[in-house]
Amino acid sequence: MMDETNDTRRDAISVGIKGYVDDKCVDIKEIMNARFKALETKIQAQQEATQRAVDRAESDYNTRFASTNEWRFAFKDREANFITREELKTLIEKVNQGISRAEHDALIAQVNSKNDAMAEALGEKSKALEAKISEMGRQMMAMIGGLLVIGITLAIEIWSGSHI
């Protein structure tokens, strides 16, 4: 009879301990599921932010190549405004043939006018392009900084989550 009482007590204690452990396991599972869900939400938000940053970087990259086209136009302007070799050769031949001082001055004025116009056009376009390139550099550095912050944040979240 004593053995039966001891067996009954042992069974009651086992059932009580098992129930306690089962309850704690359920609590731990709920806590872990909540943490995993929170981490998944943060990771999803960071992935979306990263995608937006990549899209913006691609857009800025394409804008940079549009600026390259402006350089091409600047060189076309230069070619249109500079004196050509043929024009220079004609001027030299006229000088060698003995043109008058007035003709000489008019030709020099024409050459100087073309050179001044070209230098002015190139200077303005160069300044505009330098400003655009500088702004794009600042934007790229800001995006890189943002991506670094996201990466560091993600690493901290993963590290702190793995040491629970």
Foldseek 3Di string as FASTA:
>chain_A
DVVVVVVVVVVVVVVVVVVVVVVVVVVVVVVLVVLVVVLVVLVVVLVVVLVVLVVVLVVLVVVLVVLVVLVVVLVVLLVVLADDPVNVVVLVVCVVVPDDPVVNVVSVVSRVVSVVVSVVSNVVSVVVSVVSVVVSVVSNVVSVVVNVVSVVVSVVSVVVSVVD
